[in-house]
Amino acid sequence: MLRGQSSIEFMQAAAVSLLFFTVCMGIYFMAQSELADVSRAADARRICYEIASQISAIASAGEGASAPLLQPQKATNEEYEIFVTGNTGAVSVNFKDDGNEERGASCFVGHRDILNATGAANFKIKGDETVSYLGGVVRIG
């Protein structure tokens, strides 16, 4: 064996180990990022169904029914935006993923005539509101 040969082999092994560690860390961080997006998408779907369920409950309760529309806790931290398209009865919950691309979930309410306090059919829900059913129309706000 040549003198110094073992130190060269040791440096090669250390370099290969460092390269392996770097690749593993890169894969780990990419997986974590994708997992966070999947988690937010699942939360968006859950929030969507919770809001749609609250609106449907008031619509099915009948004329004069009224109740607070409480946003789920995750929706209040400005990470999610909740939109209602009243003429189709659609609720959309959107968020920005790590790449700032807008994603979200949509679901439908069993009632098509939904308006906000100003009479607009397409609007954003900003905080806790009141939902009421008057004259065959669900009003939010």
Protein backbone atom coordinates (compact mmCIF):
# COMPACT_ATOMS: atom_id res chain seq x y z
CA MET A 1 0.00 0.00 0.00
CA LEU A 2 1.27 3.41 -0.90
CA ARG A 3 1.75 6.06 1.73
CA GLY A 4 -1.20 8.42 1.89
CA GLN A 5 -3.43 6.08 -0.10
CA SER A 6 -5.79 5.56 2.84
CA SER A 7 -6.33 9.29 3.30
CA ILE A 8 -7.34 9.65 -0.38
CA GLU A 9 -9.77 6.76 -0.04
CA PHE A 10 -11.15 8.29 3.14
CA MET A 11 -11.71 11.63 1.36
CA GLN A 12 -13.48 9.83 -1.48
CA ALA A 13 -15.77 8.00 0.96
CA ALA A 14 -16.51 11.28 2.78
CA ALA A 15 -17.33 12.99 -0.53
CA VAL A 16 -19.68 10.17 -1.58
CA SER A 17 -21.36 10.25 1.86
CA LEU A 18 -21.77 14.02 1.65
CA LEU A 19 -23.26 13.76 -1.85
CA PHE A 20 -25.67 11.05 -0.67
CA PHE A 21 -26.71 13.18 2.33
CA THR A 22 -27.28 16.24 0.09
CA VAL A 23 -29.46 14.27 -2.34
CA CYS A 24 -31.49 12.80 0.54
CA MET A 25 -32.07 16.26 2.06
CA GLY A 26 -33.22 17.62 -1.30
CA ILE A 27 -35.72 14.79 -1.70
CA TYR A 28 -36.93 15.29 1.87
CA PHE A 29 -37.58 19.03 1.42
CA MET A 30 -39.37 18.49 -1.90
CA ALA A 31 -41.62 15.88 -0.28
CA GLN A 32 -42.35 18.21 2.66
CA SER A 33 -43.37 21.00 0.28
CA GLU A 34 -45.69 18.70 -1.66
CA LEU A 35 -47.17 17.37 1.56
CA ALA A 36 -47.92 20.92 2.78
CA ASP A 37 -49.79 21.65 -0.47
CA VAL A 38 -51.78 18.41 -0.18
CA SER A 39 -52.65 19.29 3.42
CA ARG A 40 -53.85 22.77 2.44
CA ALA A 41 -55.92 21.31 -0.41
CA ALA A 42 -57.56 18.88 2.01
CA ASP A 43 -58.25 21.75 4.42
CA ALA A 44 -59.73 23.79 1.55
CA ARG A 45 -62.10 20.95 0.67
CA ARG A 46 -63.12 20.51 4.31
CA ILE A 47 -63.71 24.26 4.72
CA CYS A 48 -65.73 24.30 1.50
CA TYR A 49 -68.00 21.50 2.69
CA GLU A 50 -68.42 23.10 6.13
CA ILE A 51 -69.49 26.45 4.62
CA ALA A 52 -71.79 24.76 2.08
CA SER A 53 -73.32 22.65 4.86
CA GLN A 54 -74.06 25.72 6.98
CA ILE A 55 -75.71 27.52 4.04
CA SER A 56 -77.72 24.42 3.10
CA ALA A 57 -78.93 23.99 6.67
CA ILE A 58 -80.37 27.52 6.72
CA ALA A 59 -81.96 27.08 3.28
CA SER A 60 -83.61 23.83 4.34
CA ALA A 61 -84.75 25.27 7.70
CA GLY A 62 -87.34 27.37 5.89
CA GLU A 63 -88.59 30.93 5.68
CA GLY A 64 -87.25 33.29 8.33
CA ALA A 65 -84.41 30.99 9.46
CA SER A 66 -81.22 32.77 10.44
CA ALA A 67 -77.90 31.73 12.00
CA PRO A 68 -74.30 32.88 12.14
CA LEU A 69 -72.05 31.60 9.35
CA LEU A 70 -68.90 30.75 11.21
CA GLN A 71 -65.73 30.30 9.22
CA PRO A 72 -63.73 27.24 10.22
CA GLN A 73 -60.65 28.12 12.25
CA LYS A 74 -58.16 27.46 9.45
CA ALA A 75 -59.96 29.92 7.17
CA THR A 76 -59.55 32.85 9.53
CA ASN A 77 -55.78 33.10 9.27
CA GLU A 78 -55.90 34.82 5.84
CA GLU A 79 -54.46 31.72 4.21
CA TYR A 80 -57.76 30.89 2.51
CA GLU A 81 -60.27 32.96 0.52
CA ILE A 82 -63.91 31.88 0.39
CA PHE A 83 -65.98 32.84 -2.64
CA VAL A 84 -69.67 32.25 -3.33
CA THR A 85 -71.22 32.15 -6.79
CA GLY A 86 -74.85 32.55 -5.82
CA ASN A 87 -76.58 31.89 -9.14
CA THR A 88 -74.99 28.42 -9.38
CA GLY A 89 -74.82 27.68 -5.66
CA ALA A 90 -71.05 27.13 -5.77
CA VAL A 91 -68.67 27.74 -2.89
CA SER A 92 -64.95 27.98 -3.68
CA VAL A 93 -62.10 27.99 -1.20
CA ASN A 94 -58.76 29.11 -2.63
CA PHE A 95 -55.22 29.30 -1.27
CA LYS A 96 -51.77 29.98 -2.68
CA ASP A 97 -49.39 27.04 -2.69
CA ASP A 98 -45.64 27.29 -2.07
CA GLY A 99 -45.07 28.33 -5.68
CA ASN A 100 -47.75 31.07 -5.29
CA GLU A 101 -50.01 29.24 -7.71
CA GLU A 102 -53.64 29.53 -6.71
CA ARG A 103 -55.32 26.25 -5.84
CA GLY A 104 -58.45 25.28 -4.04
CA ALA A 105 -61.63 23.30 -3.85
CA SER A 106 -65.20 23.89 -4.98
CA CYS A 107 -68.44 22.39 -3.81
CA PHE A 108 -72.12 23.07 -4.33
CA VAL A 109 -74.86 24.18 -2.00
CA GLY A 110 -78.28 22.60 -2.50
CA HIS A 111 -79.76 26.07 -3.13
CA ARG A 112 -79.07 28.31 -6.13
CA ASP A 113 -80.31 31.74 -5.05
CA ILE A 114 -77.61 33.08 -2.72
CA LEU A 115 -76.95 36.81 -2.35
CA ASN A 116 -74.84 38.96 -0.08
CA ALA A 117 -76.11 41.97 1.89
CA THR A 118 -75.78 44.29 -1.13
CA GLY A 119 -77.64 41.90 -3.46
CA ALA A 120 -74.58 40.66 -5.37
CA ALA A 121 -74.62 37.02 -6.44
CA ASN A 122 -70.81 36.66 -6.68
CA PHE A 123 -68.92 37.68 -3.56
CA LYS A 124 -66.16 36.88 -1.10
CA ILE A 125 -66.98 35.92 2.49
CA LYS A 126 -64.86 38.06 4.80
CA GLY A 127 -65.08 36.80 8.35
CA ASP A 128 -68.07 35.55 10.26
CA GLU A 129 -71.38 36.56 8.68
CA THR A 130 -75.08 35.95 9.27
CA VAL A 131 -76.99 33.62 6.95
CA SER A 132 -80.73 34.05 6.60
CA TYR A 133 -83.45 32.63 4.37
CA LEU A 134 -86.02 35.23 3.33
CA GLY A 135 -88.35 35.22 0.34
CA GLY A 136 -86.83 32.07 -1.17
CA VAL A 137 -83.35 33.62 -1.20
CA VAL A 138 -80.39 32.83 1.05
CA ARG A 139 -78.71 36.06 2.17
CA ILE A 140 -75.22 36.17 3.61
CA GLY A 141 -74.14 39.26 5.49
